[in-house]
Amino acid sequence: MYVEIRKKDAKYFVILRGEDLYRHEDAKGKQFAHFVSTSKDEASNVAKQFAKQNKCLIRWTSGGIETPELPSPTDFPHAEG
C-alpha cells in the first residue's frame, strides 16, 4: 500500500493505492481521490497523515489519462451526522 499524490490540471490529488478497501464497488478501475487541493503543501500534509496512519510511503506522480473522481456522499452512508 502507498499514498499517491498526482498533479493534474493544476490540482493535487491524494489517492490511497494498493488496498481494495479504499476502492468504490462500482468504480470499474476508476481511481477515487481521497483529497484534492490546488495547494502542493496542503496535499503533501494530507498525504503525510494518510501515510503515517497506514504506515506506508508517499509516491509523487504527474499527468495520467483520467482525472481521479471524488466519492459522492452517498458512497459513505455511515459518515452522515
N, C-alpha and C. Protein backbone atom coordinates (compact mmCIF):
# COMPACT_ATOMS: atom_id res chain seq x y z
N MET A 1 0.84 -1.18 0.00
CA MET A 1 0.00 0.00 0.00
C MET A 1 0.88 1.24 0.00
N TYR A 2 0.44 2.26 -0.71
CA TYR A 2 1.14 3.54 -0.70
C TYR A 2 0.15 4.67 -0.96
N VAL A 3 0.59 5.89 -0.68
CA VAL A 3 -0.22 7.08 -0.93
C VAL A 3 0.35 7.75 -2.16
N GLU A 4 -0.50 8.02 -3.12
CA GLU A 4 -0.05 8.68 -4.35
C GLU A 4 -0.55 10.12 -4.35
N ILE A 5 0.36 11.04 -4.65
CA ILE A 5 -0.02 12.44 -4.89
C ILE A 5 0.17 12.68 -6.38
N ARG A 6 -0.93 12.92 -7.07
CA ARG A 6 -0.87 13.12 -8.52
C ARG A 6 -1.21 14.56 -8.86
N LYS A 7 -0.33 15.19 -9.63
CA LYS A 7 -0.59 16.55 -10.11
C LYS A 7 -1.18 16.45 -11.51
N LYS A 8 -2.36 17.04 -11.66
CA LYS A 8 -3.02 17.08 -12.97
C LYS A 8 -3.89 18.31 -13.03
N ASP A 9 -3.75 19.05 -14.11
CA ASP A 9 -4.55 20.25 -14.34
C ASP A 9 -4.47 21.23 -13.17
N ALA A 10 -3.27 21.48 -12.68
CA ALA A 10 -3.01 22.44 -11.58
C ALA A 10 -3.69 22.05 -10.27
N LYS A 11 -4.02 20.77 -10.12
CA LYS A 11 -4.60 20.26 -8.87
C LYS A 11 -3.76 19.08 -8.40
N TYR A 12 -3.77 18.87 -7.09
CA TYR A 12 -3.06 17.75 -6.49
C TYR A 12 -4.09 16.79 -5.91
N PHE A 13 -4.07 15.54 -6.38
CA PHE A 13 -5.00 14.51 -5.94
C PHE A 13 -4.26 13.55 -5.01
N VAL A 14 -4.82 13.28 -3.83
CA VAL A 14 -4.24 12.32 -2.90
C VAL A 14 -5.06 11.04 -3.02
N ILE A 15 -4.39 9.95 -3.41
CA ILE A 15 -5.05 8.68 -3.69
C ILE A 15 -4.39 7.59 -2.86
N LEU A 16 -5.19 6.80 -2.15
CA LEU A 16 -4.66 5.64 -1.44
C LEU A 16 -4.63 4.48 -2.42
N ARG A 17 -3.49 3.83 -2.54
CA ARG A 17 -3.31 2.77 -3.53
C ARG A 17 -2.91 1.46 -2.88
N GLY A 18 -3.34 0.36 -3.47
CA GLY A 18 -2.89 -0.95 -3.06
C GLY A 18 -3.85 -1.71 -2.16
N GLU A 19 -4.97 -1.14 -1.81
CA GLU A 19 -5.94 -1.83 -0.97
C GLU A 19 -7.32 -1.72 -1.61
N ASP A 20 -8.01 -2.84 -1.77
CA ASP A 20 -9.37 -2.82 -2.31
C ASP A 20 -10.33 -2.14 -1.35
N LEU A 21 -9.93 -2.03 -0.09
CA LEU A 21 -10.75 -1.38 0.93
C LEU A 21 -11.07 0.06 0.55
N TYR A 22 -10.18 0.72 -0.16
CA TYR A 22 -10.34 2.13 -0.49
C TYR A 22 -10.88 2.35 -1.89
N ARG A 23 -11.36 1.30 -2.55
CA ARG A 23 -11.89 1.41 -3.90
C ARG A 23 -13.41 1.24 -3.87
N HIS A 24 -14.11 2.08 -4.57
CA HIS A 24 -15.57 2.01 -4.62
C HIS A 24 -16.00 0.78 -5.41
N GLU A 25 -17.09 0.13 -5.00
CA GLU A 25 -17.54 -1.11 -5.62
C GLU A 25 -17.88 -0.95 -7.10
N ASP A 26 -18.42 0.19 -7.50
CA ASP A 26 -18.83 0.41 -8.89
C ASP A 26 -17.77 1.16 -9.69
N ALA A 27 -16.55 1.20 -9.21
CA ALA A 27 -15.51 2.03 -9.82
C ALA A 27 -15.09 1.51 -11.19
N LYS A 28 -15.09 0.20 -11.40
CA LYS A 28 -14.68 -0.39 -12.66
C LYS A 28 -13.29 0.09 -13.06
N GLY A 29 -12.37 0.11 -12.12
CA GLY A 29 -11.00 0.51 -12.40
C GLY A 29 -10.74 1.99 -12.26
N LYS A 30 -11.76 2.79 -12.11
CA LYS A 30 -11.59 4.24 -11.96
C LYS A 30 -11.04 4.54 -10.58
N GLN A 31 -10.09 5.44 -10.51
CA GLN A 31 -9.49 5.81 -9.23
C GLN A 31 -10.31 6.86 -8.53
N PHE A 32 -10.33 6.78 -7.20
CA PHE A 32 -11.02 7.77 -6.39
C PHE A 32 -10.00 8.52 -5.56
N ALA A 33 -10.03 9.84 -5.66
CA ALA A 33 -9.15 10.68 -4.85
C ALA A 33 -9.79 10.86 -3.48
N HIS A 34 -8.99 10.77 -2.46
CA HIS A 34 -9.49 10.98 -1.10
C HIS A 34 -9.36 12.43 -0.68
N PHE A 35 -8.58 13.21 -1.45
CA PHE A 35 -8.40 14.63 -1.14
C PHE A 35 -7.92 15.32 -2.41
N VAL A 36 -8.40 16.53 -2.66
CA VAL A 36 -7.98 17.33 -3.82
C VAL A 36 -7.71 18.75 -3.35
N SER A 37 -6.61 19.33 -3.85
CA SER A 37 -6.27 20.69 -3.48
C SER A 37 -5.48 21.35 -4.60
N THR A 38 -5.53 22.66 -4.65
CA THR A 38 -4.68 23.40 -5.58
C THR A 38 -3.35 23.75 -4.92
N SER A 39 -3.22 23.47 -3.64
CA SER A 39 -2.01 23.76 -2.88
C SER A 39 -1.15 22.50 -2.74
N LYS A 40 0.09 22.58 -3.21
CA LYS A 40 1.01 21.45 -3.11
C LYS A 40 1.30 21.12 -1.64
N ASP A 41 1.49 22.13 -0.82
CA ASP A 41 1.80 21.92 0.60
C ASP A 41 0.64 21.26 1.34
N GLU A 42 -0.57 21.70 1.05
CA GLU A 42 -1.74 21.14 1.70
C GLU A 42 -1.91 19.66 1.33
N ALA A 43 -1.76 19.35 0.04
CA ALA A 43 -1.87 17.95 -0.40
C ALA A 43 -0.77 17.10 0.21
N SER A 44 0.43 17.66 0.31
CA SER A 44 1.55 16.94 0.92
C SER A 44 1.29 16.64 2.39
N ASN A 45 0.74 17.60 3.12
CA ASN A 45 0.43 17.39 4.54
C ASN A 45 -0.64 16.31 4.73
N VAL A 46 -1.67 16.33 3.90
CA VAL A 46 -2.72 15.31 3.99
C VAL A 46 -2.14 13.94 3.66
N ALA A 47 -1.31 13.86 2.62
CA ALA A 47 -0.69 12.59 2.24
C ALA A 47 0.21 12.06 3.36
N LYS A 48 0.92 12.96 4.03
CA LYS A 48 1.77 12.55 5.15
C LYS A 48 0.94 11.95 6.28
N GLN A 49 -0.22 12.53 6.54
CA GLN A 49 -1.09 11.99 7.58
C GLN A 49 -1.62 10.60 7.21
N PHE A 50 -2.07 10.44 5.94
CA PHE A 50 -2.51 9.12 5.47
C PHE A 50 -1.37 8.11 5.59
N ALA A 51 -0.16 8.50 5.17
CA ALA A 51 1.00 7.61 5.21
C ALA A 51 1.35 7.22 6.64
N LYS A 52 1.25 8.17 7.54
CA LYS A 52 1.56 7.89 8.94
C LYS A 52 0.53 6.93 9.54
N GLN A 53 -0.75 7.16 9.25
CA GLN A 53 -1.82 6.30 9.77
C GLN A 53 -1.72 4.87 9.23
N ASN A 54 -1.34 4.75 7.96
CA ASN A 54 -1.31 3.44 7.31
C ASN A 54 0.10 2.83 7.22
N LYS A 55 1.08 3.54 7.77
CA LYS A 55 2.47 3.07 7.78
C LYS A 55 2.93 2.68 6.37
N CYS A 56 2.87 3.64 5.46
CA CYS A 56 3.26 3.38 4.08
C CYS A 56 4.02 4.59 3.51
N LEU A 57 4.46 4.46 2.29
CA LEU A 57 5.24 5.50 1.62
C LEU A 57 4.36 6.40 0.77
N ILE A 58 4.93 7.54 0.37
CA ILE A 58 4.25 8.51 -0.50
C ILE A 58 4.94 8.48 -1.85
N ARG A 59 4.13 8.47 -2.91
CA ARG A 59 4.66 8.48 -4.27
C ARG A 59 4.09 9.69 -5.01
N TRP A 60 4.97 10.49 -5.61
CA TRP A 60 4.56 11.66 -6.39
C TRP A 60 4.51 11.28 -7.86
N THR A 61 3.38 11.60 -8.54
CA THR A 61 3.26 11.37 -9.97
C THR A 61 2.64 12.61 -10.62
N SER A 62 2.65 12.65 -11.93
CA SER A 62 2.01 13.76 -12.63
C SER A 62 1.33 13.23 -13.88
N GLY A 63 0.35 13.97 -14.34
CA GLY A 63 -0.37 13.61 -15.55
C GLY A 63 -1.32 12.44 -15.35
N GLY A 64 -1.34 11.58 -16.34
CA GLY A 64 -2.27 10.45 -16.31
C GLY A 64 -3.37 10.67 -17.33
N ILE A 65 -3.99 9.59 -17.73
CA ILE A 65 -5.03 9.66 -18.76
C ILE A 65 -6.32 10.22 -18.19
N GLU A 66 -6.73 9.71 -17.03
CA GLU A 66 -8.00 10.12 -16.44
C GLU A 66 -7.78 10.92 -15.16
N THR A 67 -8.66 11.86 -14.91
CA THR A 67 -8.65 12.58 -13.65
C THR A 67 -9.38 11.74 -12.62
N PRO A 68 -8.78 11.51 -11.44
CA PRO A 68 -9.47 10.71 -10.42
C PRO A 68 -10.77 11.38 -9.98
N GLU A 69 -11.76 10.55 -9.65
CA GLU A 69 -13.04 11.07 -9.17
C GLU A 69 -13.02 11.21 -7.66
N LEU A 70 -13.90 12.05 -7.16
CA LEU A 70 -14.12 12.14 -5.72
C LEU A 70 -15.37 11.32 -5.40
N PRO A 71 -15.33 10.53 -4.33
CA PRO A 71 -16.53 9.77 -3.97
C PRO A 71 -17.67 10.71 -3.58
N SER A 72 -18.88 10.32 -3.92
CA SER A 72 -20.04 11.13 -3.54
C SER A 72 -20.41 10.82 -2.10
N PRO A 73 -21.12 11.71 -1.42
CA PRO A 73 -21.53 11.44 -0.03
C PRO A 73 -22.36 10.18 0.13
N THR A 74 -23.04 9.75 -0.91
CA THR A 74 -23.85 8.53 -0.82
C THR A 74 -22.97 7.29 -0.80
N ASP A 75 -21.70 7.40 -1.17
CA ASP A 75 -20.78 6.27 -1.11
C ASP A 75 -20.42 5.91 0.33
N PHE A 76 -20.61 6.84 1.25
CA PHE A 76 -20.25 6.64 2.64
C PHE A 76 -21.42 6.97 3.56
N PRO A 77 -22.47 6.17 3.57
CA PRO A 77 -23.66 6.49 4.38
C PRO A 77 -23.38 6.52 5.86
N HIS A 78 -22.35 5.77 6.32
CA HIS A 78 -22.02 5.75 7.75
C HIS A 78 -21.39 7.05 8.23
N ALA A 79 -20.96 7.91 7.29
CA ALA A 79 -20.30 9.17 7.66
C ALA A 79 -21.28 10.31 7.94
N GLU A 80 -22.56 10.07 7.72
CA GLU A 80 -23.55 11.14 7.95
C GLU A 80 -23.76 11.38 9.43
N GLY A 81 -23.99 12.67 9.76
CA GLY A 81 -24.31 13.21 11.06
C GLY A 81 -24.33 12.29 12.16
